[in-house]
Amino acid sequence: MSPGETLEVIATDAGSARDIPAFLELSRHRLVSSSQTDGHFRFVVECGG
């Protein structure tokens, strides 16, 4: 992915609500949004440069 592009991640593991934001804090990428609906966790991540 190129910087500025976004990726949507959908997970069913409840641990992803903790793990994905924690990983992104250690990377150049940015969490644009996150939500939870019916046991599905959705994350939109912007690729960093």
N, C-alpha and C. Protein backbone atom coordinates (compact mmCIF):
# COMPACT_ATOMS: atom_id res chain seq x y z
N MET A 1 0.83 -1.18 0.00
CA MET A 1 0.00 0.00 0.00
C MET A 1 0.88 1.24 0.00
N SER A 2 0.38 2.28 -0.60
CA SER A 2 1.08 3.56 -0.62
C SER A 2 0.62 4.44 0.53
N PRO A 3 1.48 5.33 1.00
CA PRO A 3 1.07 6.24 2.07
C PRO A 3 -0.21 6.98 1.70
N GLY A 4 -1.12 7.05 2.68
CA GLY A 4 -2.39 7.73 2.48
C GLY A 4 -3.52 6.80 2.07
N GLU A 5 -3.21 5.62 1.55
CA GLU A 5 -4.26 4.66 1.21
C GLU A 5 -4.85 4.08 2.49
N THR A 6 -6.10 3.62 2.41
CA THR A 6 -6.75 3.05 3.58
C THR A 6 -7.05 1.58 3.37
N LEU A 7 -7.12 0.88 4.48
CA LEU A 7 -7.40 -0.55 4.51
C LEU A 7 -8.50 -0.77 5.54
N GLU A 8 -9.52 -1.53 5.17
CA GLU A 8 -10.57 -1.90 6.12
C GLU A 8 -10.29 -3.31 6.62
N VAL A 9 -10.27 -3.47 7.94
CA VAL A 9 -10.04 -4.76 8.56
C VAL A 9 -11.30 -5.13 9.33
N ILE A 10 -11.81 -6.33 9.09
CA ILE A 10 -12.96 -6.82 9.84
C ILE A 10 -12.53 -8.08 10.56
N ALA A 11 -12.73 -8.10 11.87
CA ALA A 11 -12.30 -9.22 12.70
C ALA A 11 -13.45 -9.70 13.57
N THR A 12 -13.37 -10.95 14.01
CA THR A 12 -14.35 -11.50 14.93
C THR A 12 -13.75 -11.76 16.30
N ASP A 13 -12.46 -11.61 16.43
CA ASP A 13 -11.77 -11.83 17.70
C ASP A 13 -11.90 -10.58 18.57
N ALA A 14 -12.50 -10.70 19.73
CA ALA A 14 -12.69 -9.55 20.63
C ALA A 14 -11.36 -8.91 21.02
N GLY A 15 -10.28 -9.69 21.03
CA GLY A 15 -8.96 -9.15 21.36
C GLY A 15 -8.46 -8.14 20.35
N SER A 16 -9.02 -8.16 19.15
CA SER A 16 -8.60 -7.21 18.12
C SER A 16 -8.91 -5.77 18.52
N ALA A 17 -9.93 -5.58 19.34
CA ALA A 17 -10.28 -4.23 19.79
C ALA A 17 -9.15 -3.61 20.61
N ARG A 18 -8.33 -4.44 21.22
CA ARG A 18 -7.17 -3.98 21.98
C ARG A 18 -5.90 -4.07 21.15
N ASP A 19 -5.75 -5.19 20.43
CA ASP A 19 -4.49 -5.48 19.75
C ASP A 19 -4.21 -4.59 18.55
N ILE A 20 -5.21 -4.34 17.73
CA ILE A 20 -4.97 -3.54 16.52
C ILE A 20 -4.59 -2.10 16.86
N PRO A 21 -5.35 -1.40 17.73
CA PRO A 21 -4.91 -0.05 18.09
C PRO A 21 -3.53 -0.02 18.75
N ALA A 22 -3.23 -1.03 19.58
CA ALA A 22 -1.92 -1.07 20.23
C ALA A 22 -0.80 -1.23 19.20
N PHE A 23 -1.01 -2.09 18.22
CA PHE A 23 -0.02 -2.27 17.17
C PHE A 23 0.18 -0.98 16.38
N LEU A 24 -0.92 -0.31 16.06
CA LEU A 24 -0.82 0.91 15.26
C LEU A 24 -0.09 2.03 15.99
N GLU A 25 -0.17 2.04 17.32
CA GLU A 25 0.58 3.03 18.11
C GLU A 25 2.09 2.86 17.92
N LEU A 26 2.51 1.66 17.58
CA LEU A 26 3.93 1.37 17.41
C LEU A 26 4.39 1.46 15.95
N SER A 27 3.48 1.84 15.08
CA SER A 27 3.78 1.87 13.65
C SER A 27 3.60 3.28 13.10
N ARG A 28 3.84 3.41 11.81
CA ARG A 28 3.63 4.69 11.13
C ARG A 28 2.19 4.85 10.64
N HIS A 29 1.39 3.84 10.84
CA HIS A 29 0.02 3.84 10.34
C HIS A 29 -0.91 4.51 11.36
N ARG A 30 -2.12 4.87 10.90
CA ARG A 30 -3.05 5.61 11.75
C ARG A 30 -4.41 4.94 11.72
N LEU A 31 -5.01 4.83 12.88
CA LEU A 31 -6.38 4.31 12.99
C LEU A 31 -7.34 5.44 12.67
N VAL A 32 -8.06 5.31 11.57
CA VAL A 32 -9.00 6.33 11.13
C VAL A 32 -10.31 6.18 11.89
N SER A 33 -10.81 4.95 12.00
CA SER A 33 -12.05 4.70 12.73
C SER A 33 -12.11 3.25 13.16
N SER A 34 -12.96 3.01 14.14
CA SER A 34 -13.21 1.64 14.59
C SER A 34 -14.65 1.57 15.08
N SER A 35 -15.24 0.39 14.93
CA SER A 35 -16.61 0.18 15.40
C SER A 35 -16.82 -1.30 15.68
N GLN A 36 -17.89 -1.58 16.42
CA GLN A 36 -18.24 -2.96 16.75
C GLN A 36 -19.73 -3.14 16.52
N THR A 37 -20.09 -4.18 15.78
CA THR A 37 -21.49 -4.51 15.52
C THR A 37 -21.65 -6.02 15.46
N ASP A 38 -22.55 -6.55 16.25
CA ASP A 38 -22.89 -7.97 16.21
C ASP A 38 -21.67 -8.89 16.23
N GLY A 39 -20.71 -8.61 17.10
CA GLY A 39 -19.54 -9.46 17.22
C GLY A 39 -18.49 -9.28 16.15
N HIS A 40 -18.66 -8.28 15.28
CA HIS A 40 -17.66 -7.97 14.26
C HIS A 40 -17.01 -6.64 14.61
N PHE A 41 -15.71 -6.61 14.53
CA PHE A 41 -14.93 -5.42 14.84
C PHE A 41 -14.38 -4.88 13.52
N ARG A 42 -14.66 -3.61 13.25
CA ARG A 42 -14.26 -2.99 11.98
C ARG A 42 -13.26 -1.88 12.26
N PHE A 43 -12.16 -1.90 11.54
CA PHE A 43 -11.11 -0.90 11.69
C PHE A 43 -10.77 -0.35 10.31
N VAL A 44 -10.62 0.94 10.24
CA VAL A 44 -10.12 1.57 9.00
C VAL A 44 -8.75 2.15 9.35
N VAL A 45 -7.74 1.70 8.62
CA VAL A 45 -6.36 2.06 8.89
C VAL A 45 -5.80 2.82 7.70
N GLU A 46 -5.14 3.94 7.98
CA GLU A 46 -4.47 4.71 6.93
C GLU A 46 -2.99 4.36 6.93
N CYS A 47 -2.49 4.03 5.75
CA CYS A 47 -1.08 3.66 5.61
C CYS A 47 -0.21 4.89 5.83
N GLY A 48 0.78 4.76 6.68
CA GLY A 48 1.71 5.84 6.95
C GLY A 48 2.87 5.84 5.97
N GLY A 49 3.63 6.91 6.01
CA GLY A 49 4.75 7.05 5.09
C GLY A 49 6.06 6.63 5.66
